[in-house]
């Protein structure tokens, strides 16, 4: 790669690191201003003032906020996310399996939604302004207009309860056969696919239509190529950068935005883990989950920026 490309890539990575640091500050501040007393929530209402004071001192809650932040950040940088207050378990160990489950769910949704969205986008361009284009756009708008919880409960009632095709509770465990695991996550994958499908499809359509106005597309038409050949061989490759960008953004949403879906289907992922410990006011777990979600989201955005930079021929081949 050329020097301008390497410079831009380095800038994006540096900006991502700074942004993650800023997010860590916001996460810490947000958890510190939550109502209630951590020591009180651990010991209960019957705890004596002396017991509460001893626990606050042992947990370092009497230290200034900036000292507690740097102590927490130092632990994160060394791989120590702390211990859950409600269970006493190591957070990093608990998050490992939960994060894998969330990544598996998001990956399954991406495998379904990304090819489907690009295919529908190509089909909409091929028959633009016709009945097929309008039907695809209408169905996409309808799917993205429905809230995730509403779509989830509809699928549970009709598909799981009435038709009994798939389970209503997405229970997965270590060593579970791959086929059974896919069956268990079929409904949450469907919900996530419907959430991101329309956006990716419409952006694919818009990016390709923008390229279709180029002069070389007219040259391809004069050569006698079919509309499908023009779209797939000439328009789509030159529209790949904005398409990859929007795909990466939606992949980030699939990972970070699974909280509602995991709660609805009782899926043992990071979203369910986060909600459970927010209710218990388990501050270290909330901080760790928030930071992991932020790191994944920022990383995927950096990847999208890098792909857009590398795919730009003016940067790859400067004069």
C-alpha atoms as a PDB file:
ATOM      1  CA  UNK A   1       0.000   0.000   0.000  1.00  0.00           C
ATOM      2  CA  UNK A   2       1.085   3.557  -0.676  1.00  0.00           C
ATOM      3  CA  UNK A   3       2.107   6.069   1.984  1.00  0.00           C
ATOM      4  CA  UNK A   4      -1.193   8.071   1.887  1.00  0.00           C
ATOM      5  CA  UNK A   5      -3.163   4.863   2.462  1.00  0.00           C
ATOM      6  CA  UNK A   6      -0.974   3.787   5.382  1.00  0.00           C
ATOM      7  CA  UNK A   7      -1.229   7.258   6.881  1.00  0.00           C
ATOM      8  CA  UNK A   8      -5.028   7.280   6.688  1.00  0.00           C
ATOM      9  CA  UNK A   9      -5.254   3.757   8.128  1.00  0.00           C
ATOM     10  CA  UNK A  10      -2.991   4.740  11.032  1.00  0.00           C
ATOM     11  CA  UNK A  11      -5.128   7.833  11.661  1.00  0.00           C
ATOM     12  CA  UNK A  12      -8.318   5.749  11.768  1.00  0.00           C
ATOM     13  CA  UNK A  13      -6.780   3.284  14.221  1.00  0.00           C
ATOM     14  CA  UNK A  14      -5.484   6.086  16.458  1.00  0.00           C
ATOM     15  CA  UNK A  15      -8.882   7.785  16.413  1.00  0.00           C
ATOM     16  CA  UNK A  16     -10.522   4.475  17.334  1.00  0.00           C
ATOM     17  CA  UNK A  17      -8.226   4.024  20.331  1.00  0.00           C
ATOM     18  CA  UNK A  18      -8.893   7.581  21.543  1.00  0.00           C
ATOM     19  CA  UNK A  19     -12.626   7.122  21.054  1.00  0.00           C
ATOM     20  CA  UNK A  20     -12.594   3.895  23.050  1.00  0.00           C
ATOM     21  CA  UNK A  21     -10.714   5.679  25.842  1.00  0.00           C
ATOM     22  CA  UNK A  22     -13.338   8.451  25.847  1.00  0.00           C
ATOM     23  CA  UNK A  23     -16.121   5.864  25.926  1.00  0.00           C
ATOM     24  CA  UNK A  24     -14.482   4.162  28.909  1.00  0.00           C
ATOM     25  CA  UNK A  25     -14.642   7.485  30.773  1.00  0.00           C
ATOM     26  CA  UNK A  26     -18.333   7.899  29.934  1.00  0.00           C
ATOM     27  CA  UNK A  27     -19.089   4.320  30.987  1.00  0.00           C
ATOM     28  CA  UNK A  28     -17.326   4.830  34.312  1.00  0.00           C
ATOM     29  CA  UNK A  29     -19.106   8.122  34.979  1.00  0.00           C
ATOM     30  CA  UNK A  30     -22.465   6.624  34.014  1.00  0.00           C
ATOM     31  CA  UNK A  31     -22.101   3.719  36.417  1.00  0.00           C
ATOM     32  CA  UNK A  32     -20.956   5.993  39.228  1.00  0.00           C
ATOM     33  CA  UNK A  33     -24.022   8.249  39.062  1.00  0.00           C
ATOM     34  CA  UNK A  34     -26.483   5.355  39.186  1.00  0.00           C
ATOM     35  CA  UNK A  35     -28.858   5.719  42.139  1.00  0.00           C
ATOM     36  CA  UNK A  36     -28.391   3.533  45.190  1.00  0.00           C
ATOM     37  CA  UNK A  37     -25.463   2.252  47.221  1.00  0.00           C
ATOM     38  CA  UNK A  38     -23.399  -0.667  45.972  1.00  0.00           C
ATOM     39  CA  UNK A  39     -22.473  -1.760  49.481  1.00  0.00           C
ATOM     40  CA  UNK A  40     -26.116  -1.597  50.552  1.00  0.00           C
ATOM     41  CA  UNK A  41     -27.237  -3.678  47.581  1.00  0.00           C
ATOM     42  CA  UNK A  42     -24.655  -6.362  48.460  1.00  0.00           C
ATOM     43  CA  UNK A  43     -25.237  -6.582  52.213  1.00  0.00           C
ATOM     44  CA  UNK A  44     -28.968  -5.853  52.172  1.00  0.00           C
ATOM     45  CA  UNK A  45     -31.143  -3.465  54.127  1.00  0.00           C
ATOM     46  CA  UNK A  46     -30.362  -5.111  57.461  1.00  0.00           C
ATOM     47  CA  UNK A  47     -26.632  -4.298  57.297  1.00  0.00           C
ATOM     48  CA  UNK A  48     -25.178  -2.179  60.074  1.00  0.00           C
ATOM     49  CA  UNK A  49     -23.501   1.168  59.296  1.00  0.00           C
ATOM     50  CA  UNK A  50     -20.160  -0.259  60.406  1.00  0.00           C
ATOM     51  CA  UNK A  51     -20.481  -3.240  58.058  1.00  0.00           C
ATOM     52  CA  UNK A  52     -21.374  -0.929  55.183  1.00  0.00           C
ATOM     53  CA  UNK A  53     -18.396   1.311  55.928  1.00  0.00           C
ATOM     54  CA  UNK A  54     -16.021  -1.662  56.101  1.00  0.00           C
ATOM     55  CA  UNK A  55     -17.255  -2.994  52.756  1.00  0.00           C
ATOM     56  CA  UNK A  56     -16.932   0.435  51.093  1.00  0.00           C
ATOM     57  CA  UNK A  57     -13.356   0.663  52.352  1.00  0.00           C
ATOM     58  CA  UNK A  58     -12.505  -2.874  51.180  1.00  0.00           C
ATOM     59  CA  UNK A  59     -13.973  -2.165  47.723  1.00  0.00           C
ATOM     60  CA  UNK A  60     -12.197   1.171  47.450  1.00  0.00           C
ATOM     61  CA  UNK A  61     -15.458   3.097  47.166  1.00  0.00           C
ATOM     62  CA  UNK A  62     -14.162   5.819  49.495  1.00  0.00           C
ATOM     63  CA  UNK A  63     -11.301   6.649  47.104  1.00  0.00           C
ATOM     64  CA  UNK A  64     -11.630   9.625  44.738  1.00  0.00           C
ATOM     65  CA  UNK A  65     -13.387   8.881  41.449  1.00  0.00           C
ATOM     66  CA  UNK A  66     -10.294   9.433  39.296  1.00  0.00           C
ATOM     67  CA  UNK A  67      -8.281   6.916  41.338  1.00  0.00           C
ATOM     68  CA  UNK A  68     -11.046   4.327  40.989  1.00  0.00           C
ATOM     69  CA  UNK A  69     -11.206   4.985  37.238  1.00  0.00           C
ATOM     70  CA  UNK A  70      -7.472   4.488  36.658  1.00  0.00           C
ATOM     71  CA  UNK A  71      -7.502   1.401  38.881  1.00  0.00           C
ATOM     72  CA  UNK A  72     -10.331  -0.027  36.763  1.00  0.00           C
ATOM     73  CA  UNK A  73      -8.673   0.998  33.487  1.00  0.00           C
ATOM     74  CA  UNK A  74      -5.379  -0.548  34.572  1.00  0.00           C
ATOM     75  CA  UNK A  75      -7.161  -3.809  35.306  1.00  0.00           C
ATOM     76  CA  UNK A  76      -8.852  -3.740  31.891  1.00  0.00           C
ATOM     77  CA  UNK A  77      -5.536  -3.170  30.104  1.00  0.00           C
ATOM     78  CA  UNK A  78      -4.079  -6.218  31.877  1.00  0.00           C
ATOM     79  CA  UNK A  79      -7.100  -8.401  31.096  1.00  0.00           C
ATOM     80  CA  UNK A  80      -8.600  -8.176  34.579  1.00  0.00           C
ATOM     81  CA  UNK A  81     -12.222  -7.038  34.264  1.00  0.00           C
ATOM     82  CA  UNK A  82     -12.871  -7.518  37.954  1.00  0.00           C
ATOM     83  CA  UNK A  83     -15.218  -9.735  39.950  1.00  0.00           C
ATOM     84  CA  UNK A  84     -19.002  -9.744  39.833  1.00  0.00           C
ATOM     85  CA  UNK A  85     -20.392  -8.316  43.074  1.00  0.00           C
ATOM     86  CA  UNK A  86     -23.529 -10.434  42.974  1.00  0.00           C
ATOM     87  CA  UNK A  87     -21.888 -13.834  42.423  1.00  0.00           C
ATOM     88  CA  UNK A  88     -18.180 -13.413  43.164  1.00  0.00           C
ATOM     89  CA  UNK A  89     -17.293 -14.918  39.774  1.00  0.00           C
ATOM     90  CA  UNK A  90     -14.526 -13.635  37.550  1.00  0.00           C
ATOM     91  CA  UNK A  91     -16.139 -11.352  34.952  1.00  0.00           C
ATOM     92  CA  UNK A  92     -13.703 -12.176  32.135  1.00  0.00           C
ATOM     93  CA  UNK A  93     -14.410 -15.908  32.530  1.00  0.00           C
ATOM     94  CA  UNK A  94     -18.173 -15.351  32.553  1.00  0.00           C
ATOM     95  CA  UNK A  95     -18.020 -13.014  29.561  1.00  0.00           C
ATOM     96  CA  UNK A  96     -16.006 -15.425  27.422  1.00  0.00           C
ATOM     97  CA  UNK A  97     -18.855 -17.884  26.864  1.00  0.00           C
ATOM     98  CA  UNK A  98     -21.450 -15.127  26.719  1.00  0.00           C
ATOM     99  CA  UNK A  99     -19.477 -13.186  24.119  1.00  0.00           C
ATOM    100  CA  UNK A 100     -19.048 -16.328  22.015  1.00  0.00           C
ATOM    101  CA  UNK A 101     -22.822 -16.915  22.109  1.00  0.00           C
ATOM    102  CA  UNK A 102     -23.521 -13.335  21.051  1.00  0.00           C
ATOM    103  CA  UNK A 103     -20.959 -13.497  18.240  1.00  0.00           C
ATOM    104  CA  UNK A 104     -22.453 -16.791  17.053  1.00  0.00           C
ATOM    105  CA  UNK A 105     -25.949 -15.282  16.987  1.00  0.00           C
ATOM    106  CA  UNK A 106     -24.767 -12.147  15.182  1.00  0.00           C
ATOM    107  CA  UNK A 107     -22.701 -14.181  12.702  1.00  0.00           C
ATOM    108  CA  UNK A 108     -25.656 -16.417  11.872  1.00  0.00           C
ATOM    109  CA  UNK A 109     -27.823 -13.351  11.295  1.00  0.00           C
ATOM    110  CA  UNK A 110     -25.104 -11.807   9.109  1.00  0.00           C
ATOM    111  CA  UNK A 111     -24.751 -14.977   7.010  1.00  0.00           C
ATOM    112  CA  UNK A 112     -28.472 -14.753   6.251  1.00  0.00           C
ATOM    113  CA  UNK A 113     -28.990 -10.990   5.995  1.00  0.00           C
ATOM    114  CA  UNK A 114     -25.916  -9.769   4.058  1.00  0.00           C
ATOM    115  CA  UNK A 115     -26.253 -11.974   0.928  1.00  0.00           C
ATOM    116  CA  UNK A 116     -30.034 -11.544   1.005  1.00  0.00           C
ATOM    117  CA  UNK A 117     -29.785  -7.746   1.263  1.00  0.00           C
ATOM    118  CA  UNK A 118     -27.217  -7.476  -1.542  1.00  0.00           C
ATOM    119  CA  UNK A 119     -29.220  -9.843  -3.736  1.00  0.00           C
ATOM    120  CA  UNK A 120     -32.442  -7.906  -3.196  1.00  0.00           C
ATOM    121  CA  UNK A 121     -30.572  -4.650  -3.826  1.00  0.00           C
ATOM    122  CA  UNK A 122     -29.268  -5.967  -7.156  1.00  0.00           C
ATOM    123  CA  UNK A 123     -32.738  -7.212  -8.047  1.00  0.00           C
ATOM    124  CA  UNK A 124     -34.276  -3.847  -7.188  1.00  0.00           C
ATOM    125  CA  UNK A 125     -31.742  -2.086  -9.450  1.00  0.00           C
ATOM    126  CA  UNK A 126     -32.384  -4.524 -12.276  1.00  0.00           C
ATOM    127  CA  UNK A 127     -36.121  -3.809 -12.153  1.00  0.00           C
ATOM    128  CA  UNK A 128     -35.908  -0.253 -10.811  1.00  0.00           C
ATOM    129  CA  UNK A 129     -39.127   1.743 -10.608  1.00  0.00           C
ATOM    130  CA  UNK A 130     -41.067  -1.394 -11.562  1.00  0.00           C
ATOM    131  CA  UNK A 131     -43.398  -3.602  -9.508  1.00  0.00           C
ATOM    132  CA  UNK A 132     -40.525  -5.795  -8.233  1.00  0.00           C
ATOM    133  CA  UNK A 133     -38.583  -2.751  -7.018  1.00  0.00           C
ATOM    134  CA  UNK A 134     -41.644  -1.319  -5.280  1.00  0.00           C
ATOM    135  CA  UNK A 135     -42.554  -4.615  -3.623  1.00  0.00           C
ATOM    136  CA  UNK A 136     -39.001  -5.109  -2.317  1.00  0.00           C
ATOM    137  CA  UNK A 137     -38.826  -1.525  -1.019  1.00  0.00           C
ATOM    138  CA  UNK A 138     -42.285  -1.772   0.571  1.00  0.00           C
ATOM    139  CA  UNK A 139     -41.558  -5.037   2.360  1.00  0.00           C
ATOM    140  CA  UNK A 140     -38.208  -3.713   3.516  1.00  0.00           C
ATOM    141  CA  UNK A 141     -39.786  -0.553   4.905  1.00  0.00           C
ATOM    142  CA  UNK A 142     -42.446  -2.610   6.684  1.00  0.00           C
ATOM    143  CA  UNK A 143     -39.873  -4.921   8.285  1.00  0.00           C
ATOM    144  CA  UNK A 144     -37.669  -2.114   9.576  1.00  0.00           C
ATOM    145  CA  UNK A 145     -40.675  -0.161  10.911  1.00  0.00           C
ATOM    146  CA  UNK A 146     -41.661  -2.897  13.373  1.00  0.00           C
ATOM    147  CA  UNK A 147     -39.876  -2.821  16.764  1.00  0.00           C
ATOM    148  CA  UNK A 148     -37.713  -5.810  17.573  1.00  0.00           C
ATOM    149  CA  UNK A 149     -39.768  -6.858  20.586  1.00  0.00           C
ATOM    150  CA  UNK A 150     -43.000  -6.758  18.570  1.00  0.00           C
ATOM    151  CA  UNK A 151     -41.542  -8.899  15.776  1.00  0.00           C
ATOM    152  CA  UNK A 152     -40.054 -11.264  18.347  1.00  0.00           C
ATOM    153  CA  UNK A 153     -43.322 -11.812  20.191  1.00  0.00           C
ATOM    154  CA  UNK A 154     -45.183 -12.295  16.899  1.00  0.00           C
ATOM    155  CA  UNK A 155     -42.729 -15.016  15.871  1.00  0.00           C
ATOM    156  CA  UNK A 156     -42.960 -16.667  19.288  1.00  0.00           C
ATOM    157  CA  UNK A 157     -46.762 -16.776  19.139  1.00  0.00           C
ATOM    158  CA  UNK A 158     -47.202 -17.923  15.562  1.00  0.00           C
ATOM    159  CA  UNK A 159     -44.046 -19.917  14.765  1.00  0.00           C
ATOM    160  CA  UNK A 160     -43.177 -21.349  18.179  1.00  0.00           C
ATOM    161  CA  UNK A 161     -46.564 -21.695  19.924  1.00  0.00           C
ATOM    162  CA  UNK A 162     -49.056 -22.202  17.092  1.00  0.00           C
ATOM    163  CA  UNK A 163     -46.942 -23.969  14.456  1.00  0.00           C
ATOM    164  CA  UNK A 164     -44.325 -25.360  16.877  1.00  0.00           C
ATOM    165  CA  UNK A 165     -41.599 -25.222  14.235  1.00  0.00           C
ATOM    166  CA  UNK A 166     -38.899 -23.758  16.494  1.00  0.00           C
ATOM    167  CA  UNK A 167     -38.486 -23.349  20.281  1.00  0.00           C
ATOM    168  CA  UNK A 168     -39.620 -20.096  21.880  1.00  0.00           C
ATOM    169  CA  UNK A 169     -36.670 -20.085  24.296  1.00  0.00           C
ATOM    170  CA  UNK A 170     -33.245 -20.070  22.641  1.00  0.00           C
ATOM    171  CA  UNK A 171     -31.354 -22.261  25.064  1.00  0.00           C
ATOM    172  CA  UNK A 172     -27.813 -23.159  23.998  1.00  0.00           C
ATOM    173  CA  UNK A 173     -25.058 -24.876  25.943  1.00  0.00           C
ATOM    174  CA  UNK A 174     -21.481 -26.015  25.510  1.00  0.00           C
ATOM    175  CA  UNK A 175     -21.188 -29.155  23.403  1.00  0.00           C
ATOM    176  CA  UNK A 176     -24.641 -28.680  21.864  1.00  0.00           C
ATOM    177  CA  UNK A 177     -24.874 -30.232  18.358  1.00  0.00           C
ATOM    178  CA  UNK A 178     -24.548 -27.638  15.618  1.00  0.00           C
ATOM    179  CA  UNK A 179     -27.909 -28.473  14.061  1.00  0.00           C
ATOM    180  CA  UNK A 180     -29.733 -28.138  17.373  1.00  0.00           C
ATOM    181  CA  UNK A 181     -27.957 -24.856  18.044  1.00  0.00           C
ATOM    182  CA  UNK A 182     -29.094 -23.473  14.679  1.00  0.00           C
ATOM    183  CA  UNK A 183     -32.657 -24.575  15.407  1.00  0.00           C
ATOM    184  CA  UNK A 184     -32.547 -22.898  18.815  1.00  0.00           C
ATOM    185  CA  UNK A 185     -31.457 -19.524  17.388  1.00  0.00           C
ATOM    186  CA  UNK A 186     -33.706 -19.590  14.312  1.00  0.00           C
ATOM    187  CA  UNK A 187     -36.236 -17.100  15.703  1.00  0.00           C
ATOM    188  CA  UNK A 188     -33.769 -14.516  17.091  1.00  0.00           C
ATOM    189  CA  UNK A 189     -31.799 -14.737  13.835  1.00  0.00           C
ATOM    190  CA  UNK A 190     -35.008 -14.019  11.918  1.00  0.00           C
ATOM    191  CA  UNK A 191     -35.716 -10.950  14.051  1.00  0.00           C
ATOM    192  CA  UNK A 192     -32.184  -9.576  13.644  1.00  0.00           C
ATOM    193  CA  UNK A 193     -32.279 -10.229   9.904  1.00  0.00           C
ATOM    194  CA  UNK A 194     -35.522  -8.289   9.517  1.00  0.00           C
ATOM    195  CA  UNK A 195     -34.057  -5.399  11.520  1.00  0.00           C
ATOM    196  CA  UNK A 196     -30.952  -4.864   9.342  1.00  0.00           C
ATOM    197  CA  UNK A 197     -32.149  -6.197   5.989  1.00  0.00           C
ATOM    198  CA  UNK A 198     -33.968  -3.117   4.705  1.00  0.00           C
ATOM    199  CA  UNK A 199     -31.157  -0.676   5.490  1.00  0.00           C
ATOM    200  CA  UNK A 200     -28.491  -2.742   3.741  1.00  0.00           C
ATOM    201  CA  UNK A 201     -30.763  -3.435   0.788  1.00  0.00           C
ATOM    202  CA  UNK A 202     -31.681   0.209   0.256  1.00  0.00           C
ATOM    203  CA  UNK A 203     -28.079   1.373   0.588  1.00  0.00           C
ATOM    204  CA  UNK A 204     -26.958  -1.291  -1.900  1.00  0.00           C
ATOM    205  CA  UNK A 205     -29.612  -0.116  -4.328  1.00  0.00           C
ATOM    206  CA  UNK A 206     -28.676   3.563  -3.878  1.00  0.00           C
ATOM    207  CA  UNK A 207     -24.929   2.914  -4.270  1.00  0.00           C
ATOM    208  CA  UNK A 208     -25.382   0.919  -7.483  1.00  0.00           C
ATOM    209  CA  UNK A 209     -27.837   3.415  -8.965  1.00  0.00           C
ATOM    210  CA  UNK A 210     -25.313   6.177  -8.309  1.00  0.00           C
ATOM    211  CA  UNK A 211     -22.666   4.225 -10.240  1.00  0.00           C
ATOM    212  CA  UNK A 212     -25.129   3.521 -13.056  1.00  0.00           C
ATOM    213  CA  UNK A 213     -24.982   7.211 -14.001  1.00  0.00           C
ATOM    214  CA  UNK A 214     -21.297   6.895 -14.970  1.00  0.00           C
ATOM    215  CA  UNK A 215     -20.064   7.146 -18.561  1.00  0.00           C
ATOM    216  CA  UNK A 216     -18.512   3.676 -18.630  1.00  0.00           C
ATOM    217  CA  UNK A 217     -21.956   2.185 -17.919  1.00  0.00           C
ATOM    218  CA  UNK A 218     -23.189   3.762 -21.185  1.00  0.00           C
ATOM    219  CA  UNK A 219     -20.179   2.227 -22.934  1.00  0.00           C
ATOM    220  CA  UNK A 220     -21.087  -1.186 -21.554  1.00  0.00           C
ATOM    221  CA  UNK A 221     -24.648  -0.734 -22.798  1.00  0.00           C
ATOM    222  CA  UNK A 222     -23.376   0.157 -26.261  1.00  0.00           C
ATOM    223  CA  UNK A 223     -21.318  -3.039 -26.294  1.00  0.00           C
ATOM    224  CA  UNK A 224     -24.566  -4.980 -26.061  1.00  0.00           C
ATOM    225  CA  UNK A 225     -24.202  -6.335 -22.521  1.00  0.00           C
ATOM    226  CA  UNK A 226     -27.394  -7.370 -20.767  1.00  0.00           C
ATOM    227  CA  UNK A 227     -28.651  -5.232 -17.847  1.00  0.00           C
ATOM    228  CA  UNK A 228     -27.762  -7.977 -15.370  1.00  0.00           C
ATOM    229  CA  UNK A 229     -24.217  -8.222 -16.754  1.00  0.00           C
ATOM    230  CA  UNK A 230     -23.794  -4.453 -16.541  1.00  0.00           C
ATOM    231  CA  UNK A 231     -24.965  -4.407 -12.915  1.00  0.00           C
ATOM    232  CA  UNK A 232     -22.912  -7.374 -11.707  1.00  0.00           C
ATOM    233  CA  UNK A 233     -19.708  -6.863 -13.739  1.00  0.00           C
ATOM    234  CA  UNK A 234     -19.404  -3.071 -13.893  1.00  0.00           C
ATOM    235  CA  UNK A 235     -21.719  -1.282 -11.442  1.00  0.00           C
ATOM    236  CA  UNK A 236     -21.522  -3.536  -8.377  1.00  0.00           C
ATOM    237  CA  UNK A 237     -17.678  -3.805  -8.177  1.00  0.00           C
ATOM    238  CA  UNK A 238     -17.383  -0.008  -8.332  1.00  0.00           C
ATOM    239  CA  UNK A 239     -20.037   0.457  -5.629  1.00  0.00           C
ATOM    240  CA  UNK A 240     -18.431  -2.012  -3.243  1.00  0.00           C
ATOM    241  CA  UNK A 241     -16.904   0.616  -0.893  1.00  0.00           C
ATOM    242  CA  UNK A 242     -20.172   2.229   0.341  1.00  0.00           C
ATOM    243  CA  UNK A 243     -21.830  -1.198   0.413  1.00  0.00           C
ATOM    244  CA  UNK A 244     -19.075  -2.641   2.616  1.00  0.00           C
ATOM    245  CA  UNK A 245     -19.320   0.427   4.829  1.00  0.00           C
ATOM    246  CA  UNK A 246     -23.037  -0.008   5.472  1.00  0.00           C
ATOM    247  CA  UNK A 247     -22.626  -3.782   5.898  1.00  0.00           C
ATOM    248  CA  UNK A 248     -19.984  -3.235   8.597  1.00  0.00           C
ATOM    249  CA  UNK A 249     -22.191  -0.718  10.398  1.00  0.00           C
ATOM    250  CA  UNK A 250     -25.049  -3.198  10.424  1.00  0.00           C
ATOM    251  CA  UNK A 251     -22.760  -5.992  11.594  1.00  0.00           C
ATOM    252  CA  UNK A 252     -21.786  -3.752  14.492  1.00  0.00           C
ATOM    253  CA  UNK A 253     -25.470  -3.251  15.246  1.00  0.00           C
ATOM    254  CA  UNK A 254     -26.058  -7.014  15.120  1.00  0.00           C
ATOM    255  CA  UNK A 255     -23.514  -7.483  17.902  1.00  0.00           C
ATOM    256  CA  UNK A 256     -24.289  -4.421  20.015  1.00  0.00           C
ATOM    257  CA  UNK A 257     -28.031  -4.275  19.380  1.00  0.00           C
ATOM    258  CA  UNK A 258     -28.846  -7.832  20.455  1.00  0.00           C
ATOM    259  CA  UNK A 259     -29.832  -6.873  23.996  1.00  0.00           C
ATOM    260  CA  UNK A 260     -33.597  -6.731  23.372  1.00  0.00           C
ATOM    261  CA  UNK A 261     -33.590  -9.882  21.238  1.00  0.00           C
ATOM    262  CA  UNK A 262     -31.571 -11.858  23.781  1.00  0.00           C
ATOM    263  CA  UNK A 263     -33.913 -10.832  26.587  1.00  0.00           C
ATOM    264  CA  UNK A 264     -37.031 -11.782  24.587  1.00  0.00           C
ATOM    265  CA  UNK A 265     -35.726 -15.231  23.682  1.00  0.00           C
ATOM    266  CA  UNK A 266     -33.813 -15.742  26.968  1.00  0.00           C
ATOM    267  CA  UNK A 267     -30.651 -16.282  24.958  1.00  0.00           C
ATOM    268  CA  UNK A 268     -27.504 -16.673  27.128  1.00  0.00           C
ATOM    269  CA  UNK A 269     -25.497 -13.907  25.484  1.00  0.00           C
ATOM    270  CA  UNK A 270     -23.911 -10.673  26.613  1.00  0.00           C
ATOM    271  CA  UNK A 271     -27.147  -8.706  26.307  1.00  0.00           C
ATOM    272  CA  UNK A 272     -28.987 -11.002  28.705  1.00  0.00           C
ATOM    273  CA  UNK A 273     -25.971 -11.000  31.021  1.00  0.00           C
ATOM    274  CA  UNK A 274     -25.901  -7.186  31.017  1.00  0.00           C
ATOM    275  CA  UNK A 275     -29.619  -6.796  31.755  1.00  0.00           C
ATOM    276  CA  UNK A 276     -29.492  -9.333  34.594  1.00  0.00           C
ATOM    277  CA  UNK A 277     -26.671  -7.469  36.322  1.00  0.00           C
ATOM    278  CA  UNK A 278     -28.095  -4.005  35.742  1.00  0.00           C
ATOM    279  CA  UNK A 279     -31.086  -5.148  37.810  1.00  0.00           C
ATOM    280  CA  UNK A 280     -28.672  -6.280  40.537  1.00  0.00           C
ATOM    281  CA  UNK A 281     -26.698  -3.004  40.272  1.00  0.00           C
ATOM    282  CA  UNK A 282     -23.549  -5.013  39.661  1.00  0.00           C
ATOM    283  CA  UNK A 283     -21.377  -2.094  38.550  1.00  0.00           C
ATOM    284  CA  UNK A 284     -18.217  -4.027  37.487  1.00  0.00           C
ATOM    285  CA  UNK A 285     -20.250  -6.278  35.173  1.00  0.00           C
ATOM    286  CA  UNK A 286     -22.092  -3.310  33.645  1.00  0.00           C
ATOM    287  CA  UNK A 287     -18.784  -1.535  33.052  1.00  0.00           C
ATOM    288  CA  UNK A 288     -17.187  -4.602  31.468  1.00  0.00           C
ATOM    289  CA  UNK A 289     -20.151  -5.322  29.178  1.00  0.00           C
ATOM    290  CA  UNK A 290     -20.404  -1.695  28.103  1.00  0.00           C
ATOM    291  CA  UNK A 291     -16.692  -1.551  27.291  1.00  0.00           C
ATOM    292  CA  UNK A 292     -16.754  -4.807  25.307  1.00  0.00           C
ATOM    293  CA  UNK A 293     -19.780  -3.650  23.304  1.00  0.00           C
ATOM    294  CA  UNK A 294     -18.065  -0.314  22.621  1.00  0.00           C
ATOM    295  CA  UNK A 295     -14.811  -2.020  21.579  1.00  0.00           C
ATOM    296  CA  UNK A 296     -16.623  -4.292  19.118  1.00  0.00           C
ATOM    297  CA  UNK A 297     -18.636  -1.428  17.635  1.00  0.00           C
ATOM    298  CA  UNK A 298     -15.625   0.865  17.243  1.00  0.00           C
ATOM    299  CA  UNK A 299     -13.479  -1.941  15.801  1.00  0.00           C
ATOM    300  CA  UNK A 300     -16.021  -2.782  13.112  1.00  0.00           C
ATOM    301  CA  UNK A 301     -16.345   0.899  12.225  1.00  0.00           C
ATOM    302  CA  UNK A 302     -12.550   1.105  11.884  1.00  0.00           C
ATOM    303  CA  UNK A 303     -12.618  -1.938   9.594  1.00  0.00           C
ATOM    304  CA  UNK A 304     -15.304  -0.257   7.485  1.00  0.00           C
ATOM    305  CA  UNK A 305     -13.195   2.915   7.208  1.00  0.00           C
ATOM    306  CA  UNK A 306     -10.074   0.932   6.278  1.00  0.00           C
ATOM    307  CA  UNK A 307     -11.931  -1.034   3.594  1.00  0.00           C
ATOM    308  CA  UNK A 308     -13.291   2.217   2.148  1.00  0.00           C
ATOM    309  CA  UNK A 309      -9.778   3.705   2.113  1.00  0.00           C
ATOM    310  CA  UNK A 310      -8.114   0.666   0.564  1.00  0.00           C
ATOM    311  CA  UNK A 311     -10.822   0.323  -2.092  1.00  0.00           C
ATOM    312  CA  UNK A 312     -10.282   3.915  -3.254  1.00  0.00           C
ATOM    313  CA  UNK A 313      -8.065   3.714  -6.388  1.00  0.00           C
ATOM    314  CA  UNK A 314      -7.077   7.371  -6.107  1.00  0.00           C
ATOM    315  CA  UNK A 315      -5.418   6.582  -2.780  1.00  0.00           C
ATOM    316  CA  UNK A 316      -3.922   3.268  -3.875  1.00  0.00           C
ATOM    317  CA  UNK A 317      -2.382   4.791  -7.028  1.00  0.00           C
ATOM    318  CA  UNK A 318      -1.561   8.445  -6.298  1.00  0.00           C
ATOM    319  CA  UNK A 319      -0.094  10.483  -9.109  1.00  0.00           C
END
